[in-house]
Amino acid sequence: MSKSKLPIQRRGTIRGLAASGAMALCGGLLAAVQPAAAQGTMYACQSSREFYSINLDTGAKTFLFNITSNATVSAALAYDCETQTTYVTNTFANVGVSKSLYRLNLANGQATLVGPFGDPAILMHGLEIDATTGNLYGISSHNGGLYAVDRDNGAATLIGLTGIIGLGSFGNLGFNSDTGVMYATNALTDSLYRINLNTGAATLVGPLNGPVSIGALAYNIDNHTMYMVDNDNDILYQIDLTTGQAEAIGPTGPGNLIGLVYVTPTCGSACPLLTGDLNCDCVVSVGDISPFVLALTMPAQYAIDFPACDIDNADVNLDGVVSVGDIAGFVSLLTGG
């Protein structure tokens, strides 16, 4: 199932500028460099196979079509930008028969069988593509396990257990393609986690503080935001990936949304290289403070926590090293001084 690693879009550089000029330029960019206007569409599906578009400003859903009946009970959604392929899982099969992975045609709702997961116990309520490698991952509600899913035949191989208490109910995945980090939520713990794709281990980010039954996650690469639907209260949220805090956007309307996916032609990171932007969200803000401290004190851990980010963004004084000499300049960027 492995494929060649997709190149992260490299970003322009201001390294050739003098330190004072660079900081002045970055200060100006704080106002000028904002997340790009959305170029794609957020979609969602219900277990009963209804498929919708989602308004990211209001949360409202608009019916588009029914996924074909061969998908039985539709669940998780995922999108591969490189191949422009959308995937959907089903979570129903006869006793002793494996559930399966399908390709989904967004023009007419046709679900085309890729293949069974293999283990009949697997309930793949979470599905996500690692945009930096093209690898497909799933999280099963029956054991809280992280699986590598073969995109050619659907076979699921256990990587490891997440260890999240309560992941027996609706574990979800969302991949931040700016930073290269996989996140997970769970309908019983109502918290956000980071997932180690090599071991499956989960690390708590924080409680969501509001949602009571997370249906699905999806990251919007165009505006650099993680979205989530609560299928008990029928509300669309956006999530602070630093704290886990969920902020309500608006009601989606009555239903049972359990799949969420953002479909766009924009692949890879859309951020320009920006000195002081240590969390790769395309702006310099208070959200960069903790990553800056991590880059300064534990660079190896920073590389693990933010694998798609450039630690050189912490070299604010442009002396070629990340050190305490960068602190004053970083504070100046934050305060606009």
C-alpha atoms as a PDB file:
ATOM      1  CA  MET A   1       0.000   0.000   0.000  1.00  0.00           C
ATOM      2  CA  SER A   2       2.971   2.299   0.289  1.00  0.00           C
ATOM      3  CA  LYS A   3       3.570   4.937  -2.342  1.00  0.00           C
ATOM      4  CA  SER A   4       6.243   7.494  -3.001  1.00  0.00           C
ATOM      5  CA  LYS A   5       6.244  10.413  -0.633  1.00  0.00           C
ATOM      6  CA  LEU A   6       4.469  13.464  -1.940  1.00  0.00           C
ATOM      7  CA  PRO A   7       6.549  16.641  -1.859  1.00  0.00           C
ATOM      8  CA  ILE A   8       5.468  19.234   0.632  1.00  0.00           C
ATOM      9  CA  GLN A   9       5.139  22.491  -1.286  1.00  0.00           C
ATOM     10  CA  ARG A  10       8.251  24.436  -0.390  1.00  0.00           C
ATOM     11  CA  ARG A  11       7.850  28.009   0.543  1.00  0.00           C
ATOM     12  CA  GLY A  12       9.588  31.227  -0.451  1.00  0.00           C
ATOM     13  CA  THR A  13      12.327  32.604   1.776  1.00  0.00           C
ATOM     14  CA  ILE A  14      13.217  35.934   3.352  1.00  0.00           C
ATOM     15  CA  ARG A  15      16.504  34.607   4.707  1.00  0.00           C
ATOM     16  CA  GLY A  16      18.571  36.962   2.551  1.00  0.00           C
ATOM     17  CA  LEU A  17      17.227  40.064   4.281  1.00  0.00           C
ATOM     18  CA  ALA A  18      18.975  41.758   7.162  1.00  0.00           C
ATOM     19  CA  ALA A  19      17.519  40.857  10.545  1.00  0.00           C
ATOM     20  CA  SER A  20      15.916  44.236  11.143  1.00  0.00           C
ATOM     21  CA  GLY A  21      14.406  44.298   7.678  1.00  0.00           C
ATOM     22  CA  ALA A  22      13.125  40.758   8.019  1.00  0.00           C
ATOM     23  CA  MET A  23      11.378  41.479  11.286  1.00  0.00           C
ATOM     24  CA  ALA A  24       9.825  44.624   9.865  1.00  0.00           C
ATOM     25  CA  LEU A  25       8.634  42.706   6.840  1.00  0.00           C
ATOM     26  CA  CYS A  26       7.179  39.925   8.999  1.00  0.00           C
ATOM     27  CA  GLY A  27       5.440  42.513  11.136  1.00  0.00           C
ATOM     28  CA  GLY A  28       3.715  43.819   8.038  1.00  0.00           C
ATOM     29  CA  LEU A  29       2.882  40.316   6.889  1.00  0.00           C
ATOM     30  CA  LEU A  30       0.947  39.649  10.087  1.00  0.00           C
ATOM     31  CA  ALA A  31      -1.843  41.719   8.651  1.00  0.00           C
ATOM     32  CA  ALA A  32      -1.264  40.856   5.002  1.00  0.00           C
ATOM     33  CA  VAL A  33      -0.695  37.095   5.111  1.00  0.00           C
ATOM     34  CA  GLN A  34      -4.044  35.616   6.027  1.00  0.00           C
ATOM     35  CA  PRO A  35      -5.466  32.162   5.304  1.00  0.00           C
ATOM     36  CA  ALA A  36      -6.497  31.890   1.662  1.00  0.00           C
ATOM     37  CA  ALA A  37     -10.147  31.987   0.749  1.00  0.00           C
ATOM     38  CA  ALA A  38     -11.641  28.520   0.624  1.00  0.00           C
ATOM     39  CA  GLN A  39     -11.207  26.875  -2.750  1.00  0.00           C
ATOM     40  CA  GLY A  40     -12.921  23.598  -2.015  1.00  0.00           C
ATOM     41  CA  THR A  41     -16.057  22.191  -0.452  1.00  0.00           C
ATOM     42  CA  MET A  42     -16.770  20.507   2.864  1.00  0.00           C
ATOM     43  CA  TYR A  43     -18.934  17.408   2.509  1.00  0.00           C
ATOM     44  CA  ALA A  44     -20.656  15.194   5.055  1.00  0.00           C
ATOM     45  CA  CYS A  45     -22.579  11.938   5.030  1.00  0.00           C
ATOM     46  CA  GLN A  46     -25.092  10.276   7.303  1.00  0.00           C
ATOM     47  CA  SER A  47     -25.178   6.615   8.230  1.00  0.00           C
ATOM     48  CA  SER A  48     -28.313   6.341   6.066  1.00  0.00           C
ATOM     49  CA  ARG A  49     -26.204   7.330   3.017  1.00  0.00           C
ATOM     50  CA  GLU A  50     -27.505  10.897   2.549  1.00  0.00           C
ATOM     51  CA  PHE A  51     -24.658  13.085   1.260  1.00  0.00           C
ATOM     52  CA  TYR A  52     -24.448  16.846   1.858  1.00  0.00           C
ATOM     53  CA  SER A  53     -22.336  19.941   1.317  1.00  0.00           C
ATOM     54  CA  ILE A  54     -21.617  21.979   4.462  1.00  0.00           C
ATOM     55  CA  ASN A  55     -21.602  25.774   4.709  1.00  0.00           C
ATOM     56  CA  LEU A  56     -18.493  26.578   6.752  1.00  0.00           C
ATOM     57  CA  ASP A  57     -19.819  30.013   7.741  1.00  0.00           C
ATOM     58  CA  THR A  58     -23.156  28.846   9.141  1.00  0.00           C
ATOM     59  CA  GLY A  59     -22.888  25.056   9.547  1.00  0.00           C
ATOM     60  CA  ALA A  60     -25.987  24.471   7.406  1.00  0.00           C
ATOM     61  CA  LYS A  61     -26.047  21.338   5.271  1.00  0.00           C
ATOM     62  CA  THR A  62     -27.459  21.035   1.748  1.00  0.00           C
ATOM     63  CA  PHE A  63     -28.599  17.660   0.390  1.00  0.00           C
ATOM     64  CA  LEU A  64     -26.789  16.530  -2.774  1.00  0.00           C
ATOM     65  CA  PHE A  65     -27.558  12.840  -3.316  1.00  0.00           C
ATOM     66  CA  ASN A  66     -27.816   9.400  -1.749  1.00  0.00           C
ATOM     67  CA  ILE A  67     -24.724   7.209  -1.827  1.00  0.00           C
ATOM     68  CA  THR A  68     -25.578   4.016  -3.721  1.00  0.00           C
ATOM     69  CA  SER A  69     -27.073   1.219  -1.661  1.00  0.00           C
ATOM     70  CA  ASN A  70     -24.131  -1.170  -2.039  1.00  0.00           C
ATOM     71  CA  ALA A  71     -22.374   0.910   0.637  1.00  0.00           C
ATOM     72  CA  THR A  72     -25.186  -0.126   3.049  1.00  0.00           C
ATOM     73  CA  VAL A  73     -24.401   2.002   6.155  1.00  0.00           C
ATOM     74  CA  SER A  74     -22.012   4.806   5.140  1.00  0.00           C
ATOM     75  CA  ALA A  75     -19.569   6.102   7.736  1.00  0.00           C
ATOM     76  CA  ALA A  76     -16.111   7.690   7.450  1.00  0.00           C
ATOM     77  CA  LEU A  77     -14.921   9.827   4.523  1.00  0.00           C
ATOM     78  CA  ALA A  78     -11.400  10.647   3.298  1.00  0.00           C
ATOM     79  CA  TYR A  79      -9.975  12.505   0.295  1.00  0.00           C
ATOM     80  CA  ASP A  80      -6.686  12.064  -1.569  1.00  0.00           C
ATOM     81  CA  CYS A  81      -5.858  15.411  -3.171  1.00  0.00           C
ATOM     82  CA  GLU A  82      -3.101  13.997  -5.383  1.00  0.00           C
ATOM     83  CA  THR A  83      -5.405  11.556  -7.177  1.00  0.00           C
ATOM     84  CA  GLN A  84      -8.649  13.508  -6.556  1.00  0.00           C
ATOM     85  CA  THR A  85     -10.152  10.368  -5.000  1.00  0.00           C
ATOM     86  CA  THR A  86     -12.778  10.309  -2.256  1.00  0.00           C
ATOM     87  CA  TYR A  87     -13.195   7.230  -0.059  1.00  0.00           C
ATOM     88  CA  VAL A  88     -16.065   6.074   2.148  1.00  0.00           C
ATOM     89  CA  THR A  89     -16.325   3.177   4.597  1.00  0.00           C
ATOM     90  CA  ASN A  90     -19.358   1.120   5.492  1.00  0.00           C
ATOM     91  CA  THR A  91     -20.081  -0.147   8.998  1.00  0.00           C
ATOM     92  CA  PHE A  92     -22.610  -2.889   8.317  1.00  0.00           C
ATOM     93  CA  ALA A  93     -22.171  -6.419   7.013  1.00  0.00           C
ATOM     94  CA  ASN A  94     -23.713  -9.806   7.707  1.00  0.00           C
ATOM     95  CA  VAL A  95     -22.399 -11.692  10.742  1.00  0.00           C
ATOM     96  CA  GLY A  96     -18.869 -12.928  10.101  1.00  0.00           C
ATOM     97  CA  VAL A  97     -18.451 -10.754   6.982  1.00  0.00           C
ATOM     98  CA  SER A  98     -15.964  -7.893   6.836  1.00  0.00           C
ATOM     99  CA  LYS A  99     -16.991  -4.289   6.319  1.00  0.00           C
ATOM    100  CA  SER A 100     -15.349  -2.566   3.346  1.00  0.00           C
ATOM    101  CA  LEU A 101     -13.690   0.429   1.744  1.00  0.00           C
ATOM    102  CA  TYR A 102     -15.259   2.152  -1.289  1.00  0.00           C
ATOM    103  CA  ARG A 103     -14.335   4.891  -3.752  1.00  0.00           C
ATOM    104  CA  LEU A 104     -17.055   7.538  -3.976  1.00  0.00           C
ATOM    105  CA  ASN A 105     -17.991   9.443  -7.137  1.00  0.00           C
ATOM    106  CA  LEU A 106     -18.908  12.969  -6.015  1.00  0.00           C
ATOM    107  CA  ALA A 107     -20.817  13.639  -9.226  1.00  0.00           C
ATOM    108  CA  ASN A 108     -23.462  10.950  -8.801  1.00  0.00           C
ATOM    109  CA  GLY A 109     -22.960   9.168  -5.446  1.00  0.00           C
ATOM    110  CA  GLN A 110     -21.786   5.897  -6.956  1.00  0.00           C
ATOM    111  CA  ALA A 111     -19.810   3.827  -4.423  1.00  0.00           C
ATOM    112  CA  THR A 112     -17.334   1.432  -6.024  1.00  0.00           C
ATOM    113  CA  LEU A 113     -16.018  -1.402  -3.878  1.00  0.00           C
ATOM    114  CA  VAL A 114     -12.269  -1.313  -3.222  1.00  0.00           C
ATOM    115  CA  GLY A 115     -12.280  -4.321  -0.918  1.00  0.00           C
ATOM    116  CA  PRO A 116     -12.982  -5.683   2.584  1.00  0.00           C
ATOM    117  CA  PHE A 117     -10.946  -4.683   5.631  1.00  0.00           C
ATOM    118  CA  GLY A 118     -10.414  -8.339   6.475  1.00  0.00           C
ATOM    119  CA  ASP A 119     -11.329  -8.610  10.147  1.00  0.00           C
ATOM    120  CA  PRO A 120     -15.138  -8.747  10.540  1.00  0.00           C
ATOM    121  CA  ALA A 121     -14.836  -6.978  13.912  1.00  0.00           C
ATOM    122  CA  ILE A 122     -13.457  -3.762  12.387  1.00  0.00           C
ATOM    123  CA  LEU A 123     -15.832  -0.765  12.508  1.00  0.00           C
ATOM    124  CA  MET A 124     -13.956   1.975  10.641  1.00  0.00           C
ATOM    125  CA  HIS A 125     -15.638   5.159  11.841  1.00  0.00           C
ATOM    126  CA  GLY A 126     -12.426   7.138  11.294  1.00  0.00           C
ATOM    127  CA  LEU A 127     -10.615   7.327   7.936  1.00  0.00           C
ATOM    128  CA  GLU A 128      -7.929   9.773   6.825  1.00  0.00           C
ATOM    129  CA  ILE A 129      -5.121  10.269   4.276  1.00  0.00           C
ATOM    130  CA  ASP A 130      -1.663  11.390   5.356  1.00  0.00           C
ATOM    131  CA  ALA A 131      -1.185  14.068   2.690  1.00  0.00           C
ATOM    132  CA  THR A 132       2.605  13.958   3.057  1.00  0.00           C
ATOM    133  CA  THR A 133       2.875  10.257   2.151  1.00  0.00           C
ATOM    134  CA  GLY A 134      -0.431   9.365   0.527  1.00  0.00           C
ATOM    135  CA  ASN A 135      -0.956   6.559   3.057  1.00  0.00           C
ATOM    136  CA  LEU A 136      -4.500   5.814   4.201  1.00  0.00           C
ATOM    137  CA  TYR A 137      -5.266   5.236   7.887  1.00  0.00           C
ATOM    138  CA  GLY A 138      -8.351   4.139   9.750  1.00  0.00           C
ATOM    139  CA  ILE A 139      -9.400   3.913  13.370  1.00  0.00           C
ATOM    140  CA  SER A 140     -11.766   1.152  14.447  1.00  0.00           C
ATOM    141  CA  SER A 141     -14.395   1.582  17.123  1.00  0.00           C
ATOM    142  CA  HIS A 142     -14.210  -2.055  18.195  1.00  0.00           C
ATOM    143  CA  ASN A 143     -10.727  -1.841  19.748  1.00  0.00           C
ATOM    144  CA  GLY A 144      -9.493   1.721  19.405  1.00  0.00           C
ATOM    145  CA  GLY A 145      -6.841   0.482  16.989  1.00  0.00           C
ATOM    146  CA  LEU A 146      -5.061   2.509  14.333  1.00  0.00           C
ATOM    147  CA  TYR A 147      -4.901   0.663  11.005  1.00  0.00           C
ATOM    148  CA  ALA A 148      -3.007   1.088   7.759  1.00  0.00           C
ATOM    149  CA  VAL A 149      -5.556   0.634   4.962  1.00  0.00           C
ATOM    150  CA  ASP A 150      -4.494  -0.543   1.520  1.00  0.00           C
ATOM    151  CA  ARG A 151      -6.037   1.783  -1.035  1.00  0.00           C
ATOM    152  CA  ASP A 152      -5.877  -0.868  -3.755  1.00  0.00           C
ATOM    153  CA  ASN A 153      -7.717  -3.715  -1.996  1.00  0.00           C
ATOM    154  CA  GLY A 154      -9.069  -2.307   1.307  1.00  0.00           C
ATOM    155  CA  ALA A 155      -7.056  -4.645   3.555  1.00  0.00           C
ATOM    156  CA  ALA A 156      -6.550  -3.163   7.029  1.00  0.00           C
ATOM    157  CA  THR A 157      -3.362  -3.903   9.014  1.00  0.00           C
ATOM    158  CA  LEU A 158      -3.238  -3.059  12.713  1.00  0.00           C
ATOM    159  CA  ILE A 159      -0.461  -0.598  13.571  1.00  0.00           C
ATOM    160  CA  GLY A 160      -1.216  -0.363  17.282  1.00  0.00           C
ATOM    161  CA  LEU A 161      -3.820   0.518  19.885  1.00  0.00           C
ATOM    162  CA  THR A 162      -4.343   4.159  20.693  1.00  0.00           C
ATOM    163  CA  GLY A 163      -4.914   3.488  24.379  1.00  0.00           C
ATOM    164  CA  ILE A 164      -7.696   6.064  24.542  1.00  0.00           C
ATOM    165  CA  ILE A 165     -10.261   5.050  27.153  1.00  0.00           C
ATOM    166  CA  GLY A 166     -13.702   4.845  25.613  1.00  0.00           C
ATOM    167  CA  LEU A 167     -12.531   4.543  22.021  1.00  0.00           C
ATOM    168  CA  GLY A 168     -15.028   1.718  21.667  1.00  0.00           C
ATOM    169  CA  SER A 169     -17.417   4.355  20.336  1.00  0.00           C
ATOM    170  CA  PHE A 170     -16.836   6.472  17.226  1.00  0.00           C
ATOM    171  CA  GLY A 171     -13.129   7.193  17.008  1.00  0.00           C
ATOM    172  CA  ASN A 172     -12.441   9.827  14.335  1.00  0.00           C
ATOM    173  CA  LEU A 173      -9.334  10.992  12.464  1.00  0.00           C
ATOM    174  CA  GLY A 174      -8.312  14.361  11.016  1.00  0.00           C
ATOM    175  CA  PHE A 175      -4.932  15.116   9.393  1.00  0.00           C
ATOM    176  CA  ASN A 176      -3.395  18.597   9.594  1.00  0.00           C
ATOM    177  CA  SER A 177      -1.675  18.775   6.221  1.00  0.00           C
ATOM    178  CA  ASP A 178       0.107  22.005   7.205  1.00  0.00           C
ATOM    179  CA  THR A 179       1.985  20.425  10.109  1.00  0.00           C
ATOM    180  CA  GLY A 180       1.869  16.736   9.154  1.00  0.00           C
ATOM    181  CA  VAL A 181       0.100  15.733  12.392  1.00  0.00           C
ATOM    182  CA  MET A 182      -2.772  13.250  12.709  1.00  0.00           C
ATOM    183  CA  TYR A 183      -5.464  14.030  15.279  1.00  0.00           C
ATOM    184  CA  ALA A 184      -8.244  11.920  16.743  1.00  0.00           C
ATOM    185  CA  THR A 185     -11.409  12.467  18.745  1.00  0.00           C
ATOM    186  CA  ASN A 186     -13.757  10.093  20.478  1.00  0.00           C
ATOM    187  CA  ALA A 187     -17.497  10.278  21.132  1.00  0.00           C
ATOM    188  CA  LEU A 188     -17.166   9.047  24.729  1.00  0.00           C
ATOM    189  CA  THR A 189     -14.173  11.056  25.983  1.00  0.00           C
ATOM    190  CA  ASP A 190     -15.052  14.261  24.056  1.00  0.00           C
ATOM    191  CA  SER A 191     -11.368  15.191  23.812  1.00  0.00           C
ATOM    192  CA  LEU A 192      -8.750  15.837  21.139  1.00  0.00           C
ATOM    193  CA  TYR A 193      -5.630  13.660  20.752  1.00  0.00           C
ATOM    194  CA  ARG A 194      -2.492  13.541  18.630  1.00  0.00           C
ATOM    195  CA  ILE A 195      -1.795  10.161  17.018  1.00  0.00           C
ATOM    196  CA  ASN A 196       1.630   8.605  16.451  1.00  0.00           C
ATOM    197  CA  LEU A 197       1.330   7.003  13.022  1.00  0.00           C
ATOM    198  CA  ASN A 198       4.197   4.616  13.701  1.00  0.00           C
ATOM    199  CA  THR A 199       2.800   3.114  16.905  1.00  0.00           C
ATOM    200  CA  GLY A 200      -0.850   4.188  17.095  1.00  0.00           C
ATOM    201  CA  ALA A 201      -0.261   5.772  20.523  1.00  0.00           C
ATOM    202  CA  ALA A 202      -2.457   8.756  21.382  1.00  0.00           C
ATOM    203  CA  THR A 203      -1.385  11.863  23.303  1.00  0.00           C
ATOM    204  CA  LEU A 204      -4.068  14.046  24.890  1.00  0.00           C
ATOM    205  CA  VAL A 205      -4.230  17.611  23.568  1.00  0.00           C
ATOM    206  CA  GLY A 206      -7.192  18.686  25.669  1.00  0.00           C
ATOM    207  CA  PRO A 207     -10.955  18.517  26.215  1.00  0.00           C
ATOM    208  CA  LEU A 208     -13.268  19.864  23.530  1.00  0.00           C
ATOM    209  CA  ASN A 209     -15.434  21.609  26.153  1.00  0.00           C
ATOM    210  CA  GLY A 210     -18.816  21.587  24.439  1.00  0.00           C
ATOM    211  CA  PRO A 211     -19.465  18.798  21.924  1.00  0.00           C
ATOM    212  CA  VAL A 212     -21.104  15.702  23.392  1.00  0.00           C
ATOM    213  CA  SER A 213     -20.911  13.210  20.517  1.00  0.00           C
ATOM    214  CA  ILE A 214     -18.259  13.772  17.870  1.00  0.00           C
ATOM    215  CA  GLY A 215     -19.386  12.432  14.519  1.00  0.00           C
ATOM    216  CA  ALA A 216     -16.394  13.284  12.333  1.00  0.00           C
ATOM    217  CA  LEU A 217     -13.304  15.466  11.747  1.00  0.00           C
ATOM    218  CA  ALA A 218     -11.917  17.141   8.618  1.00  0.00           C
ATOM    219  CA  TYR A 219      -9.078  19.621   8.009  1.00  0.00           C
ATOM    220  CA  ASN A 220      -9.488  22.499   5.565  1.00  0.00           C
ATOM    221  CA  ILE A 221      -6.070  23.119   3.965  1.00  0.00           C
ATOM    222  CA  ASP A 222      -7.343  26.322   2.345  1.00  0.00           C
ATOM    223  CA  ASN A 223      -8.128  28.136   5.600  1.00  0.00           C
ATOM    224  CA  HIS A 224      -5.941  25.985   7.876  1.00  0.00           C
ATOM    225  CA  THR A 225      -8.753  24.961  10.216  1.00  0.00           C
ATOM    226  CA  MET A 226      -9.897  21.647  11.707  1.00  0.00           C
ATOM    227  CA  TYR A 227     -13.674  21.151  11.664  1.00  0.00           C
ATOM    228  CA  MET A 228     -15.846  18.740  13.583  1.00  0.00           C
ATOM    229  CA  VAL A 229     -19.505  17.751  13.637  1.00  0.00           C
ATOM    230  CA  ASP A 230     -21.411  16.823  16.783  1.00  0.00           C
ATOM    231  CA  ASN A 231     -24.116  14.391  15.697  1.00  0.00           C
ATOM    232  CA  ASP A 232     -26.080  14.572  18.944  1.00  0.00           C
ATOM    233  CA  ASN A 233     -26.533  18.344  18.979  1.00  0.00           C
ATOM    234  CA  ASP A 234     -26.152  18.642  15.170  1.00  0.00           C
ATOM    235  CA  ILE A 235     -23.586  21.447  15.330  1.00  0.00           C
ATOM    236  CA  LEU A 236     -20.508  22.245  13.237  1.00  0.00           C
ATOM    237  CA  TYR A 237     -17.423  23.294  15.237  1.00  0.00           C
ATOM    238  CA  GLN A 238     -13.902  24.474  14.549  1.00  0.00           C
ATOM    239  CA  ILE A 239     -11.141  23.204  16.849  1.00  0.00           C
ATOM    240  CA  ASP A 240      -8.105  24.888  18.371  1.00  0.00           C
ATOM    241  CA  LEU A 241      -5.413  22.260  17.752  1.00  0.00           C
ATOM    242  CA  THR A 242      -3.224  23.715  20.499  1.00  0.00           C
ATOM    243  CA  THR A 243      -5.740  23.322  23.332  1.00  0.00           C
ATOM    244  CA  GLY A 244      -8.519  21.120  21.954  1.00  0.00           C
ATOM    245  CA  GLN A 245     -11.116  23.835  22.569  1.00  0.00           C
ATOM    246  CA  ALA A 246     -14.084  23.575  20.178  1.00  0.00           C
ATOM    247  CA  GLU A 247     -15.884  26.702  18.981  1.00  0.00           C
ATOM    248  CA  ALA A 248     -19.413  26.353  17.656  1.00  0.00           C
ATOM    249  CA  ILE A 249     -20.072  27.697  14.153  1.00  0.00           C
ATOM    250  CA  GLY A 250     -23.718  26.817  13.744  1.00  0.00           C
ATOM    251  CA  PRO A 251     -26.369  24.095  13.458  1.00  0.00           C
ATOM    252  CA  THR A 252     -26.156  21.545  10.654  1.00  0.00           C
ATOM    253  CA  GLY A 253     -29.813  20.637  10.993  1.00  0.00           C
ATOM    254  CA  PRO A 254     -31.351  17.386  12.285  1.00  0.00           C
ATOM    255  CA  GLY A 255     -29.597  14.212  11.196  1.00  0.00           C
ATOM    256  CA  ASN A 256     -26.790  11.803  11.983  1.00  0.00           C
ATOM    257  CA  LEU A 257     -23.625  13.124  10.321  1.00  0.00           C
ATOM    258  CA  ILE A 258     -20.782  10.638  10.865  1.00  0.00           C
ATOM    259  CA  GLY A 259     -18.533  11.394   7.896  1.00  0.00           C
ATOM    260  CA  LEU A 260     -16.807  14.697   7.082  1.00  0.00           C
ATOM    261  CA  VAL A 261     -14.304  15.518   4.325  1.00  0.00           C
ATOM    262  CA  TYR A 262     -12.868  18.639   2.692  1.00  0.00           C
ATOM    263  CA  VAL A 263     -12.359  18.310  -1.062  1.00  0.00           C
ATOM    264  CA  THR A 264     -10.052  20.797  -2.792  1.00  0.00           C
ATOM    265  CA  PRO A 265      -7.557  20.919  -5.653  1.00  0.00           C
ATOM    266  CA  THR A 266      -5.049  22.543  -3.276  1.00  0.00           C
ATOM    267  CA  CYS A 267      -2.484  19.912  -2.266  1.00  0.00           C
ATOM    268  CA  GLY A 268       0.199  20.194   0.412  1.00  0.00           C
ATOM    269  CA  SER A 269       0.915  23.206   2.589  1.00  0.00           C
ATOM    270  CA  ALA A 270      -0.326  26.560   1.302  1.00  0.00           C
ATOM    271  CA  CYS A 271       1.643  28.605   3.845  1.00  0.00           C
ATOM    272  CA  PRO A 272       4.461  30.942   2.812  1.00  0.00           C
ATOM    273  CA  LEU A 273       7.653  30.732   4.864  1.00  0.00           C
ATOM    274  CA  LEU A 274       7.064  33.168   7.710  1.00  0.00           C
ATOM    275  CA  THR A 275       9.577  33.858  10.461  1.00  0.00           C
ATOM    276  CA  GLY A 276       7.945  33.294  13.841  1.00  0.00           C
ATOM    277  CA  ASP A 277       5.240  30.955  12.504  1.00  0.00           C
ATOM    278  CA  LEU A 278       6.163  27.827  14.461  1.00  0.00           C
ATOM    279  CA  ASN A 279       2.816  26.015  14.249  1.00  0.00           C
ATOM    280  CA  CYS A 280       2.500  26.401  10.454  1.00  0.00           C
ATOM    281  CA  ASP A 281      -0.885  28.128  10.448  1.00  0.00           C
ATOM    282  CA  CYS A 282       0.373  30.924   8.169  1.00  0.00           C
ATOM    283  CA  VAL A 283       0.254  33.682  10.795  1.00  0.00           C
ATOM    284  CA  VAL A 284       2.382  34.715  13.771  1.00  0.00           C
ATOM    285  CA  SER A 285       0.205  34.717  16.879  1.00  0.00           C
ATOM    286  CA  VAL A 286       0.018  33.592  20.499  1.00  0.00           C
ATOM    287  CA  GLY A 287      -0.513  30.078  19.140  1.00  0.00           C
ATOM    288  CA  ASP A 288       3.177  30.075  18.170  1.00  0.00           C
ATOM    289  CA  ILE A 289       4.471  30.682  21.721  1.00  0.00           C
ATOM    290  CA  SER A 290       4.488  27.070  22.926  1.00  0.00           C
ATOM    291  CA  PRO A 291       5.942  25.727  19.639  1.00  0.00           C
ATOM    292  CA  PHE A 292       8.638  28.447  19.764  1.00  0.00           C
ATOM    293  CA  VAL A 293       9.620  27.455  23.294  1.00  0.00           C
ATOM    294  CA  LEU A 294       9.692  23.810  22.213  1.00  0.00           C
ATOM    295  CA  ALA A 295      11.894  24.610  19.202  1.00  0.00           C
ATOM    296  CA  LEU A 296      14.214  26.573  21.461  1.00  0.00           C
ATOM    297  CA  THR A 297      14.505  24.043  24.273  1.00  0.00           C
ATOM    298  CA  MET A 298      13.757  20.659  22.673  1.00  0.00           C
ATOM    299  CA  PRO A 299      14.379  20.855  18.912  1.00  0.00           C
ATOM    300  CA  ALA A 300      14.197  17.086  18.456  1.00  0.00           C
ATOM    301  CA  GLN A 301      10.747  16.991  20.068  1.00  0.00           C
ATOM    302  CA  TYR A 302       9.678  19.959  17.953  1.00  0.00           C
ATOM    303  CA  ALA A 303      10.558  17.972  14.834  1.00  0.00           C
ATOM    304  CA  ILE A 304       8.365  15.107  16.094  1.00  0.00           C
ATOM    305  CA  ASP A 305       5.426  17.295  17.091  1.00  0.00           C
ATOM    306  CA  PHE A 306       5.532  19.491  13.956  1.00  0.00           C
ATOM    307  CA  PRO A 307       7.030  17.256  11.263  1.00  0.00           C
ATOM    308  CA  ALA A 308       5.993  19.430   8.321  1.00  0.00           C
ATOM    309  CA  CYS A 309       7.093  22.739   9.888  1.00  0.00           C
ATOM    310  CA  ASP A 310      10.452  24.468   9.403  1.00  0.00           C
ATOM    311  CA  ILE A 311      12.325  25.006  12.670  1.00  0.00           C
ATOM    312  CA  ASP A 312      14.265  27.794  10.949  1.00  0.00           C
ATOM    313  CA  ASN A 313      11.143  29.918  11.427  1.00  0.00           C
ATOM    314  CA  ALA A 314      12.366  30.242  15.043  1.00  0.00           C
ATOM    315  CA  ASP A 315      15.643  31.809  13.857  1.00  0.00           C
ATOM    316  CA  VAL A 316      14.198  35.300  14.178  1.00  0.00           C
ATOM    317  CA  ASN A 317      17.546  37.137  14.290  1.00  0.00           C
ATOM    318  CA  LEU A 318      18.745  35.223  11.218  1.00  0.00           C
ATOM    319  CA  ASP A 319      22.086  34.206  12.699  1.00  0.00           C
ATOM    320  CA  GLY A 320      21.742  30.633  11.480  1.00  0.00           C
ATOM    321  CA  VAL A 321      20.908  29.061  14.858  1.00  0.00           C
ATOM    322  CA  VAL A 322      17.831  28.859  17.087  1.00  0.00           C
ATOM    323  CA  SER A 323      18.868  30.213  20.487  1.00  0.00           C
ATOM    324  CA  VAL A 324      17.919  32.570  23.286  1.00  0.00           C
ATOM    325  CA  GLY A 325      19.092  35.347  21.002  1.00  0.00           C
ATOM    326  CA  ASP A 326      15.852  34.879  19.057  1.00  0.00           C
ATOM    327  CA  ILE A 327      13.525  35.531  22.005  1.00  0.00           C
ATOM    328  CA  ALA A 328      13.471  39.329  21.828  1.00  0.00           C
ATOM    329  CA  GLY A 329      12.773  39.317  18.110  1.00  0.00           C
ATOM    330  CA  PHE A 330      10.030  36.731  18.518  1.00  0.00           C
ATOM    331  CA  VAL A 331       8.334  38.850  21.196  1.00  0.00           C
ATOM    332  CA  SER A 332       8.628  41.847  18.872  1.00  0.00           C
ATOM    333  CA  LEU A 333       6.864  39.923  16.099  1.00  0.00           C
ATOM    334  CA  LEU A 334       4.037  38.979  18.483  1.00  0.00           C
ATOM    335  CA  THR A 335       3.539  42.515  19.726  1.00  0.00           C
ATOM    336  CA  GLY A 336       4.096  44.270  16.403  1.00  0.00           C
ATOM    337  CA  GLY A 337       7.093  46.130  17.791  1.00  0.00           C
END
